[in-house]
Each structure stands twice: as C-alpha cells, then as structure tokens.
Amino acid sequence: MILFKDKLLSEAIFEEHFVCDLSACKGKCCVEGDTGAPLEPFELAELENVLDAVRPYLSKAHQEVLDANGPYTLDEEDGVFKTTLRGSKHCVFAIEKRGVTL
C-alpha cells in the first residue's frame, strides 16, 4: 500500500490499465456527483482556448450555464478548480448521444 496525502492506494494501480467502459456505465461520471471534474492549473487555459470550438456541440442549457458561470469554478472546500456543473449534477461539457453521456 502507498500513502498519498490522506489516501491509501494499492500498488496494483501501477500495473492495471484503466479504460472507461461506456457500454456498462453510460457516462455516469459526467452526471453523478456534487462536483465537477478536478482540473490541473494548465487545463484552465486549455478550456478557455477550446471553448468556442466545443460550444456548438453543447446543449442550449449548458451554453447558458457557461455564459453565466464560465467553464470552471473554484471549489472552496478543497481549493481545486473544477468543471462547472449545470444544476448540481451535469458537467457543462457533457453531451448525451444514444443514451450515453460523454
């Protein structure tokens, strides 16, 4: 086991390859939870740079949230920037196609 910050991690994480199984989860991580995806500092500028390119693919509701709140917010609890949510669930960058959220 490896202690990282306040978490114990199995050493197996360095040996296993993770791939999201969209056929099983249907993209639940984009709509479940009470916070957006955590962002590294360099990703903030990247989101700003690609915003105009991805905007046409987003729903009107998500575009309105982006206009009002921007692509990311600062989580006051842990001091980490995270993707903005619509309401308390959907990531503003989430797109639903054929029952799968991406």
PDB file of N, CA and C in Angstrom:
ATOM      1  N   MET A   1       0.849  -1.179   0.000  1.00  0.00           N
ATOM      2  CA  MET A   1       0.000   0.000   0.000  1.00  0.00           C
ATOM      3  C   MET A   1       0.893   1.240   0.000  1.00  0.00           C
ATOM      4  N   ILE A   2       0.377   2.275  -0.635  1.00  0.00           N
ATOM      5  CA  ILE A   2       1.091   3.544  -0.714  1.00  0.00           C
ATOM      6  C   ILE A   2       0.204   4.609  -0.093  1.00  0.00           C
ATOM      7  N   LEU A   3       0.761   5.415   0.781  1.00  0.00           N
ATOM      8  CA  LEU A   3       0.019   6.527   1.372  1.00  0.00           C
ATOM      9  C   LEU A   3       0.241   7.753   0.501  1.00  0.00           C
ATOM     10  N   PHE A   4      -0.843   8.297  -0.051  1.00  0.00           N
ATOM     11  CA  PHE A   4      -0.786   9.510  -0.860  1.00  0.00           C
ATOM     12  C   PHE A   4      -1.746  10.504  -0.249  1.00  0.00           C
ATOM     13  N   LYS A   5      -1.209  11.608   0.260  1.00  0.00           N
ATOM     14  CA  LYS A   5      -1.992  12.586   1.006  1.00  0.00           C
ATOM     15  C   LYS A   5      -2.716  11.835   2.120  1.00  0.00           C
ATOM     16  N   ASP A   6      -4.029  11.815   2.109  1.00  0.00           N
ATOM     17  CA  ASP A   6      -4.758  11.111   3.168  1.00  0.00           C
ATOM     18  C   ASP A   6      -5.412   9.823   2.664  1.00  0.00           C
ATOM     19  N   LYS A   7      -4.904   9.274   1.538  1.00  0.00           N
ATOM     20  CA  LYS A   7      -5.491   8.079   0.924  1.00  0.00           C
ATOM     21  C   LYS A   7      -4.476   6.943   0.871  1.00  0.00           C
ATOM     22  N   LEU A   8      -4.961   5.724   1.101  1.00  0.00           N
ATOM     23  CA  LEU A   8      -4.142   4.527   0.913  1.00  0.00           C
ATOM     24  C   LEU A   8      -4.454   3.941  -0.462  1.00  0.00           C
ATOM     25  N   LEU A   9      -3.421   3.734  -1.267  1.00  0.00           N
ATOM     26  CA  LEU A   9      -3.587   3.224  -2.621  1.00  0.00           C
ATOM     27  C   LEU A   9      -2.897   1.874  -2.759  1.00  0.00           C
ATOM     28  N   SER A  10      -3.537   0.979  -3.465  1.00  0.00           N
ATOM     29  CA  SER A  10      -2.928  -0.315  -3.747  1.00  0.00           C
ATOM     30  C   SER A  10      -1.848  -0.132  -4.809  1.00  0.00           C
ATOM     31  N   GLU A  11      -0.763  -0.866  -4.684  1.00  0.00           N
ATOM     32  CA  GLU A  11       0.306  -0.802  -5.679  1.00  0.00           C
ATOM     33  C   GLU A  11      -0.153  -1.358  -7.027  1.00  0.00           C
ATOM     34  N   ALA A  12      -1.272  -2.063  -7.045  1.00  0.00           N
ATOM     35  CA  ALA A  12      -1.805  -2.615  -8.293  1.00  0.00           C
ATOM     36  C   ALA A  12      -2.193  -1.521  -9.283  1.00  0.00           C
ATOM     37  N   ILE A  13      -2.419  -0.299  -8.807  1.00  0.00           N
ATOM     38  CA  ILE A  13      -2.803   0.776  -9.734  1.00  0.00           C
ATOM     39  C   ILE A  13      -1.703   1.064 -10.748  1.00  0.00           C
ATOM     40  N   PHE A  14      -0.470   0.694 -10.433  1.00  0.00           N
ATOM     41  CA  PHE A  14       0.633   0.910 -11.361  1.00  0.00           C
ATOM     42  C   PHE A  14       0.754  -0.210 -12.386  1.00  0.00           C
ATOM     43  N   GLU A  15       0.013  -1.284 -12.173  1.00  0.00           N
ATOM     44  CA  GLU A  15       0.079  -2.434 -13.064  1.00  0.00           C
ATOM     45  C   GLU A  15      -1.172  -2.590 -13.918  1.00  0.00           C
ATOM     46  N   GLU A  16      -2.276  -2.038 -13.489  1.00  0.00           N
ATOM     47  CA  GLU A  16      -3.542  -2.184 -14.195  1.00  0.00           C
ATOM     48  C   GLU A  16      -3.762  -1.007 -15.136  1.00  0.00           C
ATOM     49  N   HIS A  17      -4.341  -1.287 -16.291  1.00  0.00           N
ATOM     50  CA  HIS A  17      -4.677  -0.239 -17.253  1.00  0.00           C
ATOM     51  C   HIS A  17      -6.172   0.031 -17.144  1.00  0.00           C
ATOM     52  N   PHE A  18      -6.533   1.274 -16.866  1.00  0.00           N
ATOM     53  CA  PHE A  18      -7.945   1.622 -16.729  1.00  0.00           C
ATOM     54  C   PHE A  18      -8.475   2.153 -18.048  1.00  0.00           C
ATOM     55  N   VAL A  19      -9.609   1.646 -18.446  1.00  0.00           N
ATOM     56  CA  VAL A  19     -10.322   2.160 -19.603  1.00  0.00           C
ATOM     57  C   VAL A  19     -11.782   2.267 -19.202  1.00  0.00           C
ATOM     58  N   CYS A  20     -12.368   3.397 -19.448  1.00  0.00           N
ATOM     59  CA  CYS A  20     -13.779   3.591 -19.131  1.00  0.00           C
ATOM     60  C   CYS A  20     -14.611   2.636 -19.987  1.00  0.00           C
ATOM     61  N   ASP A  21     -15.529   1.930 -19.376  1.00  0.00           N
ATOM     62  CA  ASP A  21     -16.405   1.001 -20.081  1.00  0.00           C
ATOM     63  C   ASP A  21     -17.751   1.682 -20.295  1.00  0.00           C
ATOM     64  N   LEU A  22     -17.843   2.500 -21.348  1.00  0.00           N
ATOM     65  CA  LEU A  22     -19.065   3.266 -21.597  1.00  0.00           C
ATOM     66  C   LEU A  22     -20.286   2.385 -21.804  1.00  0.00           C
ATOM     67  N   SER A  23     -20.097   1.189 -22.329  1.00  0.00           N
ATOM     68  CA  SER A  23     -21.256   0.317 -22.528  1.00  0.00           C
ATOM     69  C   SER A  23     -21.854  -0.115 -21.198  1.00  0.00           C
ATOM     70  N   ALA A  24     -21.053  -0.115 -20.144  1.00  0.00           N
ATOM     71  CA  ALA A  24     -21.544  -0.503 -18.817  1.00  0.00           C
ATOM     72  C   ALA A  24     -22.032   0.695 -18.013  1.00  0.00           C
ATOM     73  N   CYS A  25     -21.272   1.777 -18.007  1.00  0.00           N
ATOM     74  CA  CYS A  25     -21.608   2.900 -17.114  1.00  0.00           C
ATOM     75  C   CYS A  25     -22.446   3.976 -17.790  1.00  0.00           C
ATOM     76  N   LYS A  26     -22.426   4.046 -19.113  1.00  0.00           N
ATOM     77  CA  LYS A  26     -23.188   5.043 -19.876  1.00  0.00           C
ATOM     78  C   LYS A  26     -22.780   6.480 -19.537  1.00  0.00           C
ATOM     79  N   GLY A  27     -21.573   6.668 -19.029  1.00  0.00           N
ATOM     80  CA  GLY A  27     -21.071   8.008 -18.740  1.00  0.00           C
ATOM     81  C   GLY A  27     -21.583   8.610 -17.449  1.00  0.00           C
ATOM     82  N   LYS A  28     -21.897   7.778 -16.480  1.00  0.00           N
ATOM     83  CA  LYS A  28     -22.461   8.270 -15.217  1.00  0.00           C
ATOM     84  C   LYS A  28     -21.571   9.287 -14.517  1.00  0.00           C
ATOM     85  N   CYS A  29     -20.248   9.188 -14.703  1.00  0.00           N
ATOM     86  CA  CYS A  29     -19.358  10.118 -14.001  1.00  0.00           C
ATOM     87  C   CYS A  29     -19.570  11.556 -14.464  1.00  0.00           C
ATOM     88  N   CYS A  30     -20.181  11.756 -15.626  1.00  0.00           N
ATOM     89  CA  CYS A  30     -20.444  13.108 -16.127  1.00  0.00           C
ATOM     90  C   CYS A  30     -21.732  13.698 -15.566  1.00  0.00           C
ATOM     91  N   VAL A  31     -22.552  12.870 -14.907  1.00  0.00           N
ATOM     92  CA  VAL A  31     -23.833  13.371 -14.403  1.00  0.00           C
ATOM     93  C   VAL A  31     -24.093  13.050 -12.937  1.00  0.00           C
ATOM     94  N   GLU A  32     -23.280  12.217 -12.329  1.00  0.00           N
ATOM     95  CA  GLU A  32     -23.497  11.887 -10.923  1.00  0.00           C
ATOM     96  C   GLU A  32     -22.400  12.508 -10.078  1.00  0.00           C
ATOM     97  N   GLY A  33     -22.767  12.954  -8.923  1.00  0.00           N
ATOM     98  CA  GLY A  33     -21.805  13.584  -8.029  1.00  0.00           C
ATOM     99  C   GLY A  33     -22.200  15.024  -7.777  1.00  0.00           C
ATOM    100  N   ASP A  34     -21.517  15.644  -6.859  1.00  0.00           N
ATOM    101  CA  ASP A  34     -21.886  17.011  -6.494  1.00  0.00           C
ATOM    102  C   ASP A  34     -20.791  18.015  -6.815  1.00  0.00           C
ATOM    103  N   THR A  35     -19.842  17.602  -7.652  1.00  0.00           N
ATOM    104  CA  THR A  35     -18.752  18.494  -8.022  1.00  0.00           C
ATOM    105  C   THR A  35     -18.275  18.142  -9.422  1.00  0.00           C
ATOM    106  N   GLY A  36     -17.684  19.100 -10.101  1.00  0.00           N
ATOM    107  CA  GLY A  36     -17.165  18.857 -11.439  1.00  0.00           C
ATOM    108  C   GLY A  36     -15.845  18.110 -11.403  1.00  0.00           C
ATOM    109  N   ALA A  37     -15.322  17.820 -12.584  1.00  0.00           N
ATOM    110  CA  ALA A  37     -14.033  17.126 -12.685  1.00  0.00           C
ATOM    111  C   ALA A  37     -12.913  18.051 -12.226  1.00  0.00           C
ATOM    112  N   PRO A  38     -11.989  17.547 -11.413  1.00  0.00           N
ATOM    113  CA  PRO A  38     -10.872  18.387 -10.964  1.00  0.00           C
ATOM    114  C   PRO A  38      -9.965  18.742 -12.138  1.00  0.00           C
ATOM    115  N   LEU A  39      -9.440  19.951 -12.106  1.00  0.00           N
ATOM    116  CA  LEU A  39      -8.597  20.447 -13.193  1.00  0.00           C
ATOM    117  C   LEU A  39      -7.218  20.836 -12.685  1.00  0.00           C
ATOM    118  N   GLU A  40      -6.216  20.529 -13.476  1.00  0.00           N
ATOM    119  CA  GLU A  40      -4.860  20.989 -13.198  1.00  0.00           C
ATOM    120  C   GLU A  40      -4.771  22.451 -13.652  1.00  0.00           C
ATOM    121  N   PRO A  41      -3.876  23.236 -13.068  1.00  0.00           N
ATOM    122  CA  PRO A  41      -3.773  24.652 -13.454  1.00  0.00           C
ATOM    123  C   PRO A  41      -3.613  24.879 -14.960  1.00  0.00           C
ATOM    124  N   PHE A  42      -2.821  24.057 -15.653  1.00  0.00           N
ATOM    125  CA  PHE A  42      -2.627  24.259 -17.095  1.00  0.00           C
ATOM    126  C   PHE A  42      -3.908  24.003 -17.887  1.00  0.00           C
ATOM    127  N   GLU A  43      -4.828  23.209 -17.330  1.00  0.00           N
ATOM    128  CA  GLU A  43      -6.067  22.889 -18.038  1.00  0.00           C
ATOM    129  C   GLU A  43      -7.040  24.064 -18.076  1.00  0.00           C
ATOM    130  N   LEU A  44      -6.908  25.012 -17.172  1.00  0.00           N
ATOM    131  CA  LEU A  44      -7.806  26.166 -17.149  1.00  0.00           C
ATOM    132  C   LEU A  44      -7.686  26.951 -18.449  1.00  0.00           C
ATOM    133  N   ALA A  45      -6.467  27.252 -18.863  1.00  0.00           N
ATOM    134  CA  ALA A  45      -6.253  27.985 -20.113  1.00  0.00           C
ATOM    135  C   ALA A  45      -6.695  27.155 -21.311  1.00  0.00           C
ATOM    136  N   GLU A  46      -6.461  25.846 -21.265  1.00  0.00           N
ATOM    137  CA  GLU A  46      -6.882  24.974 -22.366  1.00  0.00           C
ATOM    138  C   GLU A  46      -8.397  25.016 -22.547  1.00  0.00           C
ATOM    139  N   LEU A  47      -9.139  24.970 -21.443  1.00  0.00           N
ATOM    140  CA  LEU A  47     -10.601  25.051 -21.539  1.00  0.00           C
ATOM    141  C   LEU A  47     -11.031  26.364 -22.174  1.00  0.00           C
ATOM    142  N   GLU A  48     -10.405  27.448 -21.757  1.00  0.00           N
ATOM    143  CA  GLU A  48     -10.722  28.759 -22.344  1.00  0.00           C
ATOM    144  C   GLU A  48     -10.426  28.750 -23.846  1.00  0.00           C
ATOM    145  N   ASN A  49      -9.309  28.133 -24.239  1.00  0.00           N
ATOM    146  CA  ASN A  49      -8.899  28.115 -25.650  1.00  0.00           C
ATOM    147  C   ASN A  49      -9.833  27.306 -26.542  1.00  0.00           C
ATOM    148  N   VAL A  50     -10.407  26.228 -26.033  1.00  0.00           N
ATOM    149  CA  VAL A  50     -11.252  25.362 -26.869  1.00  0.00           C
ATOM    150  C   VAL A  50     -12.742  25.658 -26.728  1.00  0.00           C
ATOM    151  N   LEU A  51     -13.082  26.574 -25.874  1.00  0.00           N
ATOM    152  CA  LEU A  51     -14.494  26.830 -25.575  1.00  0.00           C
ATOM    153  C   LEU A  51     -15.312  27.152 -26.825  1.00  0.00           C
ATOM    154  N   ASP A  52     -14.820  28.024 -27.687  1.00  0.00           N
ATOM    155  CA  ASP A  52     -15.568  28.378 -28.899  1.00  0.00           C
ATOM    156  C   ASP A  52     -15.719  27.190 -29.848  1.00  0.00           C
ATOM    157  N   ALA A  53     -14.734  26.305 -29.867  1.00  0.00           N
ATOM    158  CA  ALA A  53     -14.793  25.143 -30.760  1.00  0.00           C
ATOM    159  C   ALA A  53     -15.799  24.099 -30.281  1.00  0.00           C
ATOM    160  N   VAL A  54     -15.929  23.923 -28.970  1.00  0.00           N
ATOM    161  CA  VAL A  54     -16.843  22.894 -28.459  1.00  0.00           C
ATOM    162  C   VAL A  54     -18.259  23.408 -28.226  1.00  0.00           C
ATOM    163  N   ARG A  55     -18.404  24.713 -28.104  1.00  0.00           N
ATOM    164  CA  ARG A  55     -19.704  25.321 -27.796  1.00  0.00           C
ATOM    165  C   ARG A  55     -20.843  24.838 -28.697  1.00  0.00           C
ATOM    166  N   PRO A  56     -20.664  24.750 -30.022  1.00  0.00           N
ATOM    167  CA  PRO A  56     -21.773  24.324 -30.886  1.00  0.00           C
ATOM    168  C   PRO A  56     -22.291  22.917 -30.591  1.00  0.00           C
ATOM    169  N   TYR A  57     -21.490  22.089 -29.954  1.00  0.00           N
ATOM    170  CA  TYR A  57     -21.888  20.714 -29.658  1.00  0.00           C
ATOM    171  C   TYR A  57     -22.645  20.591 -28.336  1.00  0.00           C
ATOM    172  N   LEU A  58     -22.663  21.662 -27.559  1.00  0.00           N
ATOM    173  CA  LEU A  58     -23.293  21.633 -26.240  1.00  0.00           C
ATOM    174  C   LEU A  58     -24.753  22.047 -26.326  1.00  0.00           C
ATOM    175  N   SER A  59     -25.552  21.559 -25.399  1.00  0.00           N
ATOM    176  CA  SER A  59     -26.967  21.929 -25.362  1.00  0.00           C
ATOM    177  C   SER A  59     -27.105  23.408 -25.034  1.00  0.00           C
ATOM    178  N   LYS A  60     -28.251  23.965 -25.382  1.00  0.00           N
ATOM    179  CA  LYS A  60     -28.515  25.374 -25.076  1.00  0.00           C
ATOM    180  C   LYS A  60     -28.430  25.616 -23.569  1.00  0.00           C
ATOM    181  N   ALA A  61     -28.955  24.678 -22.782  1.00  0.00           N
ATOM    182  CA  ALA A  61     -28.911  24.814 -21.320  1.00  0.00           C
ATOM    183  C   ALA A  61     -27.471  24.878 -20.823  1.00  0.00           C
ATOM    184  N   HIS A  62     -26.600  24.060 -21.387  1.00  0.00           N
ATOM    185  CA  HIS A  62     -25.198  24.064 -20.970  1.00  0.00           C
ATOM    186  C   HIS A  62     -24.497  25.337 -21.435  1.00  0.00           C
ATOM    187  N   GLN A  63     -24.837  25.815 -22.618  1.00  0.00           N
ATOM    188  CA  GLN A  63     -24.260  27.070 -23.107  1.00  0.00           C
ATOM    189  C   GLN A  63     -24.645  28.236 -22.201  1.00  0.00           C
ATOM    190  N   GLU A  64     -25.881  28.238 -21.738  1.00  0.00           N
ATOM    191  CA  GLU A  64     -26.334  29.310 -20.843  1.00  0.00           C
ATOM    192  C   GLU A  64     -25.579  29.283 -19.512  1.00  0.00           C
ATOM    193  N   VAL A  65     -25.322  28.086 -18.987  1.00  0.00           N
ATOM    194  CA  VAL A  65     -24.554  27.966 -17.744  1.00  0.00           C
ATOM    195  C   VAL A  65     -23.128  28.464 -17.967  1.00  0.00           C
ATOM    196  N   LEU A  66     -22.534  28.113 -19.100  1.00  0.00           N
ATOM    197  CA  LEU A  66     -21.185  28.594 -19.417  1.00  0.00           C
ATOM    198  C   LEU A  66     -21.156  30.117 -19.505  1.00  0.00           C
ATOM    199  N   ASP A  67     -22.171  30.698 -20.140  1.00  0.00           N
ATOM    200  CA  ASP A  67     -22.236  32.161 -20.244  1.00  0.00           C
ATOM    201  C   ASP A  67     -22.326  32.811 -18.873  1.00  0.00           C
ATOM    202  N   ALA A  68     -23.080  32.197 -17.984  1.00  0.00           N
ATOM    203  CA  ALA A  68     -23.293  32.774 -16.653  1.00  0.00           C
ATOM    204  C   ALA A  68     -22.134  32.510 -15.695  1.00  0.00           C
ATOM    205  N   ASN A  69     -21.510  31.325 -15.791  1.00  0.00           N
ATOM    206  CA  ASN A  69     -20.540  30.910 -14.769  1.00  0.00           C
ATOM    207  C   ASN A  69     -19.142  30.597 -15.266  1.00  0.00           C
ATOM    208  N   GLY A  70     -18.955  30.518 -16.581  1.00  0.00           N
ATOM    209  CA  GLY A  70     -17.649  30.151 -17.117  1.00  0.00           C
ATOM    210  C   GLY A  70     -17.448  28.649 -17.128  1.00  0.00           C
ATOM    211  N   PRO A  71     -16.322  28.178 -17.678  1.00  0.00           N
ATOM    212  CA  PRO A  71     -16.097  26.744 -17.838  1.00  0.00           C
ATOM    213  C   PRO A  71     -15.624  26.023 -16.579  1.00  0.00           C
ATOM    214  N   TYR A  72     -15.173  26.772 -15.573  1.00  0.00           N
ATOM    215  CA  TYR A  72     -14.691  26.134 -14.346  1.00  0.00           C
ATOM    216  C   TYR A  72     -14.974  27.024 -13.151  1.00  0.00           C
ATOM    217  N   THR A  73     -15.002  26.403 -11.986  1.00  0.00           N
ATOM    218  CA  THR A  73     -15.226  27.124 -10.732  1.00  0.00           C
ATOM    219  C   THR A  73     -14.203  26.646  -9.711  1.00  0.00           C
ATOM    220  N   LEU A  74     -13.983  27.464  -8.713  1.00  0.00           N
ATOM    221  CA  LEU A  74     -13.072  27.095  -7.633  1.00  0.00           C
ATOM    222  C   LEU A  74     -13.884  26.445  -6.525  1.00  0.00           C
ATOM    223  N   ASP A  75     -13.532  25.217  -6.181  1.00  0.00           N
ATOM    224  CA  ASP A  75     -14.186  24.511  -5.080  1.00  0.00           C
ATOM    225  C   ASP A  75     -13.591  25.049  -3.781  1.00  0.00           C
ATOM    226  N   GLU A  76     -14.397  25.772  -3.032  1.00  0.00           N
ATOM    227  CA  GLU A  76     -13.926  26.423  -1.803  1.00  0.00           C
ATOM    228  C   GLU A  76     -13.484  25.412  -0.745  1.00  0.00           C
ATOM    229  N   GLU A  77     -14.053  24.209  -0.777  1.00  0.00           N
ATOM    230  CA  GLU A  77     -13.713  23.203   0.237  1.00  0.00           C
ATOM    231  C   GLU A  77     -12.284  22.698   0.115  1.00  0.00           C
ATOM    232  N   ASP A  78     -11.848  22.436  -1.128  1.00  0.00           N
ATOM    233  CA  ASP A  78     -10.501  21.879  -1.283  1.00  0.00           C
ATOM    234  C   ASP A  78      -9.546  22.775  -2.066  1.00  0.00           C
ATOM    235  N   GLY A  79     -10.037  23.940  -2.523  1.00  0.00           N
ATOM    236  CA  GLY A  79      -9.172  24.879  -3.231  1.00  0.00           C
ATOM    237  C   GLY A  79      -8.771  24.435  -4.625  1.00  0.00           C
ATOM    238  N   VAL A  80      -9.539  23.503  -5.217  1.00  0.00           N
ATOM    239  CA  VAL A  80      -9.228  22.967  -6.539  1.00  0.00           C
ATOM    240  C   VAL A  80     -10.243  23.493  -7.553  1.00  0.00           C
ATOM    241  N   PHE A  81      -9.752  23.907  -8.727  1.00  0.00           N
ATOM    242  CA  PHE A  81     -10.659  24.294  -9.804  1.00  0.00           C
ATOM    243  C   PHE A  81     -11.279  23.037 -10.391  1.00  0.00           C
ATOM    244  N   LYS A  82     -12.590  23.142 -10.735  1.00  0.00           N
ATOM    245  CA  LYS A  82     -13.331  22.002 -11.277  1.00  0.00           C
ATOM    246  C   LYS A  82     -14.248  22.481 -12.391  1.00  0.00           C
ATOM    247  N   THR A  83     -14.603  21.559 -13.283  1.00  0.00           N
ATOM    248  CA  THR A  83     -15.518  21.929 -14.356  1.00  0.00           C
ATOM    249  C   THR A  83     -16.849  22.370 -13.752  1.00  0.00           C
ATOM    250  N   THR A  84     -17.469  23.330 -14.400  1.00  0.00           N
ATOM    251  CA  THR A  84     -18.745  23.864 -13.938  1.00  0.00           C
ATOM    252  C   THR A  84     -19.848  22.830 -14.147  1.00  0.00           C
ATOM    253  N   LEU A  85     -20.798  22.825 -13.229  1.00  0.00           N
ATOM    254  CA  LEU A  85     -21.949  21.926 -13.330  1.00  0.00           C
ATOM    255  C   LEU A  85     -23.201  22.701 -13.710  1.00  0.00           C
ATOM    256  N   ARG A  86     -24.117  22.018 -14.411  1.00  0.00           N
ATOM    257  CA  ARG A  86     -25.463  22.553 -14.629  1.00  0.00           C
ATOM    258  C   ARG A  86     -26.319  21.952 -13.532  1.00  0.00           C
ATOM    259  N   GLY A  87     -26.886  22.818 -12.717  1.00  0.00           N
ATOM    260  CA  GLY A  87     -27.603  22.333 -11.547  1.00  0.00           C
ATOM    261  C   GLY A  87     -26.584  21.758 -10.592  1.00  0.00           C
ATOM    262  N   SER A  88     -26.868  20.619 -10.050  1.00  0.00           N
ATOM    263  CA  SER A  88     -25.908  20.021  -9.122  1.00  0.00           C
ATOM    264  C   SER A  88     -25.372  18.692  -9.640  1.00  0.00           C
ATOM    265  N   LYS A  89     -25.543  18.427 -10.938  1.00  0.00           N
ATOM    266  CA  LYS A  89     -25.125  17.120 -11.450  1.00  0.00           C
ATOM    267  C   LYS A  89     -24.344  17.174 -12.755  1.00  0.00           C
ATOM    268  N   HIS A  90     -24.951  17.664 -13.829  1.00  0.00           N
ATOM    269  CA  HIS A  90     -24.372  17.538 -15.168  1.00  0.00           C
ATOM    270  C   HIS A  90     -23.176  18.454 -15.389  1.00  0.00           C
ATOM    271  N   CYS A  91     -22.065  17.874 -15.825  1.00  0.00           N
ATOM    272  CA  CYS A  91     -20.919  18.669 -16.263  1.00  0.00           C
ATOM    273  C   CYS A  91     -21.366  19.470 -17.485  1.00  0.00           C
ATOM    274  N   VAL A  92     -20.993  20.748 -17.551  1.00  0.00           N
ATOM    275  CA  VAL A  92     -21.436  21.577 -18.677  1.00  0.00           C
ATOM    276  C   VAL A  92     -20.856  21.110 -20.004  1.00  0.00           C
ATOM    277  N   PHE A  93     -19.839  20.275 -19.978  1.00  0.00           N
ATOM    278  CA  PHE A  93     -19.256  19.759 -21.212  1.00  0.00           C
ATOM    279  C   PHE A  93     -19.828  18.397 -21.594  1.00  0.00           C
ATOM    280  N   ALA A  94     -20.772  17.888 -20.816  1.00  0.00           N
ATOM    281  CA  ALA A  94     -21.371  16.584 -21.090  1.00  0.00           C
ATOM    282  C   ALA A  94     -22.313  16.671 -22.285  1.00  0.00           C
ATOM    283  N   ILE A  95     -22.232  15.666 -23.130  1.00  0.00           N
ATOM    284  CA  ILE A  95     -23.093  15.555 -24.310  1.00  0.00           C
ATOM    285  C   ILE A  95     -23.735  14.175 -24.252  1.00  0.00           C
ATOM    286  N   GLU A  96     -25.051  14.121 -24.457  1.00  0.00           N
ATOM    287  CA  GLU A  96     -25.728  12.821 -24.441  1.00  0.00           C
ATOM    288  C   GLU A  96     -26.079  12.404 -25.861  1.00  0.00           C
ATOM    289  N   LYS A  97     -25.645  11.215 -26.230  1.00  0.00           N
ATOM    290  CA  LYS A  97     -25.930  10.638 -27.542  1.00  0.00           C
ATOM    291  C   LYS A  97     -26.329   9.184 -27.361  1.00  0.00           C
ATOM    292  N   ARG A  98     -27.491   8.819 -27.864  1.00  0.00           N
ATOM    293  CA  ARG A  98     -27.972   7.426 -27.824  1.00  0.00           C
ATOM    294  C   ARG A  98     -27.888   6.809 -26.436  1.00  0.00           C
ATOM    295  N   GLY A  99     -28.268   7.592 -25.433  1.00  0.00           N
ATOM    296  CA  GLY A  99     -28.313   7.074 -24.069  1.00  0.00           C
ATOM    297  C   GLY A  99     -26.979   7.005 -23.351  1.00  0.00           C
ATOM    298  N   VAL A 100     -25.916   7.533 -23.980  1.00  0.00           N
ATOM    299  CA  VAL A 100     -24.591   7.553 -23.365  1.00  0.00           C
ATOM    300  C   VAL A 100     -24.160   9.003 -23.203  1.00  0.00           C
ATOM    301  N   THR A 101     -23.674   9.337 -22.031  1.00  0.00           N
ATOM    302  CA  THR A 101     -23.191  10.689 -21.769  1.00  0.00           C
ATOM    303  C   THR A 101     -21.682  10.703 -21.906  1.00  0.00           C
ATOM    304  N   LEU A 102     -21.189  11.653 -22.685  1.00  0.00           N
ATOM    305  CA  LEU A 102     -19.737  11.795 -22.900  1.00  0.00           C
ATOM    306  C   LEU A 102     -19.286  13.162 -22.458  1.00  0.00           C
TER     307      LEU A 102
END
